[in-house]
Amino acid sequence: MREKAQTIAGLMAQMANENRLLILCALLDGPKTVGQLGEEVPNITAPALSQHLHKLKDGGLIQGEKHGQFITYSIKDSRIQALMAVLKEQYCAQ
């Protein structure tokens, strides 16, 4: 049980940032490019967005798939998708 708790704590640490949560909320609607995410996440600079995407990708929460000149990002794990759907319903809905 402790191992699972450690895994969950690590996951929550990856998500413990307002911009990363907003990125994950935006990705619930489907895969998006950096440009699309930049339009959907308010008040974030391109370098900050890139840094947060890198952290989410390194943490295993999202994946990037190259399509020509663009990388499309999506939520990697269906469990993260389900968790984010609950969080979005409760906290991210406009």
N, C-alpha and C. Protein backbone atom coordinates (compact mmCIF):
# COMPACT_ATOMS: atom_id res chain seq x y z
N MET A 1 0.82 -1.19 0.00
CA MET A 1 0.00 0.00 0.00
C MET A 1 0.87 1.27 0.00
N ARG A 2 1.98 1.23 0.71
CA ARG A 2 2.87 2.39 0.76
C ARG A 2 3.41 2.71 -0.63
N GLU A 3 3.73 1.68 -1.40
CA GLU A 3 4.27 1.90 -2.75
C GLU A 3 3.24 2.62 -3.63
N LYS A 4 1.99 2.21 -3.52
CA LYS A 4 0.93 2.88 -4.29
C LYS A 4 0.76 4.32 -3.84
N ALA A 5 0.85 4.54 -2.53
CA ALA A 5 0.74 5.90 -2.01
C ALA A 5 1.88 6.77 -2.53
N GLN A 6 3.07 6.21 -2.61
CA GLN A 6 4.21 6.96 -3.13
C GLN A 6 4.01 7.30 -4.61
N THR A 7 3.47 6.35 -5.36
CA THR A 7 3.19 6.58 -6.77
C THR A 7 2.18 7.71 -6.94
N ILE A 8 1.12 7.66 -6.15
CA ILE A 8 0.08 8.70 -6.23
C ILE A 8 0.64 10.05 -5.80
N ALA A 9 1.47 10.07 -4.76
CA ALA A 9 2.07 11.33 -4.30
C ALA A 9 2.96 11.92 -5.39
N GLY A 10 3.71 11.09 -6.09
CA GLY A 10 4.54 11.56 -7.19
C GLY A 10 3.70 12.13 -8.32
N LEU A 11 2.61 11.47 -8.62
CA LEU A 11 1.68 11.94 -9.65
C LEU A 11 1.10 13.29 -9.27
N MET A 12 0.65 13.40 -8.03
CA MET A 12 0.06 14.66 -7.58
C MET A 12 1.10 15.78 -7.57
N ALA A 13 2.35 15.46 -7.27
CA ALA A 13 3.41 16.47 -7.30
C ALA A 13 3.60 17.00 -8.72
N GLN A 14 3.49 16.12 -9.71
CA GLN A 14 3.61 16.56 -11.11
C GLN A 14 2.47 17.51 -11.48
N MET A 15 1.31 17.30 -10.88
CA MET A 15 0.13 18.10 -11.21
C MET A 15 0.01 19.35 -10.34
N ALA A 16 0.86 19.50 -9.34
CA ALA A 16 0.72 20.56 -8.34
C ALA A 16 1.20 21.92 -8.86
N ASN A 17 0.64 22.33 -9.97
CA ASN A 17 0.97 23.62 -10.56
C ASN A 17 -0.25 24.07 -11.36
N GLU A 18 -0.65 25.30 -11.17
CA GLU A 18 -1.84 25.81 -11.84
C GLU A 18 -1.77 25.66 -13.36
N ASN A 19 -0.65 26.02 -13.95
CA ASN A 19 -0.53 25.93 -15.41
C ASN A 19 -0.56 24.49 -15.90
N ARG A 20 0.08 23.58 -15.17
CA ARG A 20 0.05 22.18 -15.60
C ARG A 20 -1.36 21.62 -15.50
N LEU A 21 -2.10 22.01 -14.47
CA LEU A 21 -3.50 21.57 -14.38
C LEU A 21 -4.33 22.12 -15.53
N LEU A 22 -4.11 23.38 -15.89
CA LEU A 22 -4.84 23.96 -17.01
C LEU A 22 -4.49 23.28 -18.33
N ILE A 23 -3.23 22.91 -18.50
CA ILE A 23 -2.81 22.18 -19.70
C ILE A 23 -3.53 20.84 -19.76
N LEU A 24 -3.55 20.12 -18.64
CA LEU A 24 -4.23 18.82 -18.60
C LEU A 24 -5.72 18.98 -18.85
N CYS A 25 -6.33 20.02 -18.28
CA CYS A 25 -7.76 20.27 -18.54
C CYS A 25 -8.00 20.51 -20.03
N ALA A 26 -7.13 21.27 -20.66
CA ALA A 26 -7.27 21.54 -22.10
C ALA A 26 -7.13 20.27 -22.91
N LEU A 27 -6.24 19.37 -22.49
CA LEU A 27 -6.01 18.13 -23.23
C LEU A 27 -7.14 17.12 -23.06
N LEU A 28 -8.05 17.35 -22.12
CA LEU A 28 -9.20 16.46 -21.98
C LEU A 28 -10.06 16.47 -23.23
N ASP A 29 -10.08 17.59 -23.94
CA ASP A 29 -10.90 17.70 -25.15
C ASP A 29 -10.27 17.00 -26.34
N GLY A 30 -9.04 16.50 -26.18
CA GLY A 30 -8.36 15.80 -27.25
C GLY A 30 -6.97 16.35 -27.46
N PRO A 31 -6.20 15.71 -28.34
CA PRO A 31 -4.82 16.13 -28.60
C PRO A 31 -4.76 17.57 -29.11
N LYS A 32 -3.69 18.26 -28.72
CA LYS A 32 -3.52 19.65 -29.14
C LYS A 32 -2.05 19.95 -29.39
N THR A 33 -1.82 20.90 -30.28
CA THR A 33 -0.46 21.37 -30.55
C THR A 33 -0.09 22.42 -29.50
N VAL A 34 1.18 22.79 -29.48
CA VAL A 34 1.64 23.84 -28.56
C VAL A 34 0.88 25.14 -28.82
N GLY A 35 0.69 25.47 -30.09
CA GLY A 35 -0.05 26.69 -30.44
C GLY A 35 -1.47 26.68 -29.91
N GLN A 36 -2.14 25.55 -30.05
CA GLN A 36 -3.51 25.44 -29.55
C GLN A 36 -3.55 25.55 -28.03
N LEU A 37 -2.59 24.91 -27.37
CA LEU A 37 -2.53 25.00 -25.91
C LEU A 37 -2.25 26.43 -25.46
N GLY A 38 -1.39 27.11 -26.19
CA GLY A 38 -1.08 28.50 -25.87
C GLY A 38 -2.30 29.40 -25.93
N GLU A 39 -3.23 29.07 -26.83
CA GLU A 39 -4.46 29.85 -26.95
C GLU A 39 -5.44 29.52 -25.82
N GLU A 40 -5.39 28.28 -25.33
CA GLU A 40 -6.36 27.84 -24.33
C GLU A 40 -5.93 28.09 -22.89
N VAL A 41 -4.63 28.11 -22.64
CA VAL A 41 -4.13 28.34 -21.28
C VAL A 41 -3.86 29.83 -21.14
N PRO A 42 -4.63 30.51 -20.29
CA PRO A 42 -4.51 31.97 -20.20
C PRO A 42 -3.20 32.42 -19.57
N ASN A 43 -2.69 33.53 -20.09
CA ASN A 43 -1.53 34.22 -19.50
C ASN A 43 -0.30 33.35 -19.31
N ILE A 44 0.02 32.53 -20.30
CA ILE A 44 1.24 31.72 -20.23
C ILE A 44 2.12 32.07 -21.43
N THR A 45 3.39 32.24 -21.16
CA THR A 45 4.33 32.54 -22.24
C THR A 45 4.72 31.24 -22.94
N ALA A 46 5.20 31.35 -24.16
CA ALA A 46 5.63 30.17 -24.91
C ALA A 46 6.73 29.40 -24.18
N PRO A 47 7.76 30.08 -23.62
CA PRO A 47 8.79 29.33 -22.90
C PRO A 47 8.24 28.60 -21.67
N ALA A 48 7.32 29.25 -20.94
CA ALA A 48 6.74 28.60 -19.76
C ALA A 48 5.89 27.40 -20.17
N LEU A 49 5.12 27.54 -21.24
CA LEU A 49 4.31 26.43 -21.74
C LEU A 49 5.20 25.26 -22.12
N SER A 50 6.27 25.54 -22.83
CA SER A 50 7.21 24.50 -23.24
C SER A 50 7.80 23.78 -22.03
N GLN A 51 8.16 24.55 -21.01
CA GLN A 51 8.73 23.96 -19.80
C GLN A 51 7.72 23.05 -19.09
N HIS A 52 6.47 23.50 -18.99
CA HIS A 52 5.45 22.70 -18.33
C HIS A 52 5.14 21.43 -19.13
N LEU A 53 5.10 21.54 -20.45
CA LEU A 53 4.88 20.36 -21.28
C LEU A 53 6.01 19.35 -21.08
N HIS A 54 7.22 19.85 -21.00
CA HIS A 54 8.38 18.98 -20.77
C HIS A 54 8.25 18.25 -19.44
N LYS A 55 7.86 18.96 -18.38
CA LYS A 55 7.71 18.34 -17.06
C LYS A 55 6.59 17.30 -17.07
N LEU A 56 5.48 17.62 -17.72
CA LEU A 56 4.37 16.66 -17.79
C LEU A 56 4.76 15.43 -18.59
N LYS A 57 5.51 15.63 -19.65
CA LYS A 57 5.95 14.51 -20.48
C LYS A 57 6.95 13.65 -19.71
N ASP A 58 7.92 14.28 -19.06
CA ASP A 58 8.90 13.53 -18.26
C ASP A 58 8.24 12.78 -17.12
N GLY A 59 7.16 13.33 -16.59
CA GLY A 59 6.44 12.69 -15.50
C GLY A 59 5.51 11.58 -15.95
N GLY A 60 5.39 11.40 -17.27
CA GLY A 60 4.56 10.32 -17.80
C GLY A 60 3.08 10.64 -17.87
N LEU A 61 2.72 11.90 -17.68
CA LEU A 61 1.30 12.27 -17.73
C LEU A 61 0.80 12.52 -19.14
N ILE A 62 1.69 13.03 -20.00
CA ILE A 62 1.30 13.30 -21.38
C ILE A 62 2.31 12.67 -22.33
N GLN A 63 1.92 12.61 -23.59
CA GLN A 63 2.83 12.13 -24.63
C GLN A 63 2.76 13.10 -25.80
N GLY A 64 3.83 13.14 -26.55
CA GLY A 64 3.89 13.99 -27.73
C GLY A 64 4.10 13.13 -28.96
N GLU A 65 3.37 13.46 -30.01
CA GLU A 65 3.49 12.73 -31.28
C GLU A 65 3.77 13.73 -32.38
N LYS A 66 4.84 13.52 -33.10
CA LYS A 66 5.26 14.45 -34.15
C LYS A 66 4.44 14.22 -35.41
N HIS A 67 3.91 15.33 -35.94
CA HIS A 67 3.16 15.32 -37.20
C HIS A 67 3.75 16.42 -38.07
N GLY A 68 4.67 16.07 -38.93
CA GLY A 68 5.33 17.08 -39.75
C GLY A 68 6.12 18.03 -38.89
N GLN A 69 5.78 19.31 -38.94
CA GLN A 69 6.48 20.34 -38.16
C GLN A 69 5.94 20.47 -36.74
N PHE A 70 4.82 19.85 -36.46
CA PHE A 70 4.14 20.05 -35.19
C PHE A 70 4.22 18.81 -34.30
N ILE A 71 4.19 19.05 -33.00
CA ILE A 71 4.05 17.97 -32.03
C ILE A 71 2.67 18.12 -31.41
N THR A 72 1.91 17.04 -31.43
CA THR A 72 0.59 17.03 -30.84
C THR A 72 0.68 16.32 -29.49
N TYR A 73 0.20 16.97 -28.45
CA TYR A 73 0.25 16.42 -27.10
C TYR A 73 -1.10 15.87 -26.70
N SER A 74 -1.06 14.79 -25.93
CA SER A 74 -2.29 14.18 -25.42
C SER A 74 -2.00 13.56 -24.05
N ILE A 75 -3.06 13.31 -23.31
CA ILE A 75 -2.92 12.63 -22.02
C ILE A 75 -2.56 11.19 -22.29
N LYS A 76 -1.55 10.69 -21.59
CA LYS A 76 -0.97 9.39 -21.90
C LYS A 76 -1.76 8.22 -21.32
N ASP A 77 -2.33 8.37 -20.16
CA ASP A 77 -2.89 7.25 -19.41
C ASP A 77 -4.38 7.49 -19.17
N SER A 78 -5.19 6.47 -19.39
CA SER A 78 -6.64 6.62 -19.20
C SER A 78 -6.99 6.93 -17.75
N ARG A 79 -6.15 6.51 -16.80
CA ARG A 79 -6.41 6.82 -15.39
C ARG A 79 -6.23 8.32 -15.13
N ILE A 80 -5.24 8.92 -15.79
CA ILE A 80 -5.04 10.37 -15.68
C ILE A 80 -6.21 11.09 -16.33
N GLN A 81 -6.66 10.56 -17.46
CA GLN A 81 -7.81 11.13 -18.16
C GLN A 81 -9.03 11.14 -17.24
N ALA A 82 -9.29 10.02 -16.56
CA ALA A 82 -10.44 9.92 -15.67
C ALA A 82 -10.31 10.87 -14.48
N LEU A 83 -9.13 10.92 -13.88
CA LEU A 83 -8.88 11.82 -12.75
C LEU A 83 -9.08 13.27 -13.16
N MET A 84 -8.53 13.64 -14.31
CA MET A 84 -8.65 15.02 -14.78
C MET A 84 -10.09 15.37 -15.14
N ALA A 85 -10.85 14.40 -15.62
CA ALA A 85 -12.26 14.66 -15.93
C ALA A 85 -13.02 15.05 -14.67
N VAL A 86 -12.74 14.36 -13.57
CA VAL A 86 -13.39 14.69 -12.29
C VAL A 86 -12.93 16.07 -11.82
N LEU A 87 -11.63 16.33 -11.87
CA LEU A 87 -11.11 17.63 -11.44
C LEU A 87 -11.67 18.76 -12.31
N LYS A 88 -11.75 18.52 -13.61
CA LYS A 88 -12.26 19.56 -14.51
C LYS A 88 -13.72 19.86 -14.19
N GLU A 89 -14.50 18.81 -13.97
CA GLU A 89 -15.91 18.99 -13.66
C GLU A 89 -16.08 19.81 -12.38
N GLN A 90 -15.25 19.54 -11.40
CA GLN A 90 -15.37 20.20 -10.11
C GLN A 90 -14.73 21.59 -10.06
N TYR A 91 -13.58 21.76 -10.77
CA TYR A 91 -12.79 22.96 -10.56
C TYR A 91 -12.43 23.76 -11.81
N CYS A 92 -12.40 23.13 -12.98
CA CYS A 92 -11.94 23.82 -14.18
C CYS A 92 -13.08 24.30 -15.06
N ALA A 93 -14.29 23.86 -14.78
CA ALA A 93 -15.42 24.24 -15.62
C ALA A 93 -15.62 25.75 -15.56
N GLN A 94 -15.99 26.31 -16.69
CA GLN A 94 -16.13 27.78 -16.76
C GLN A 94 -17.53 28.22 -16.43
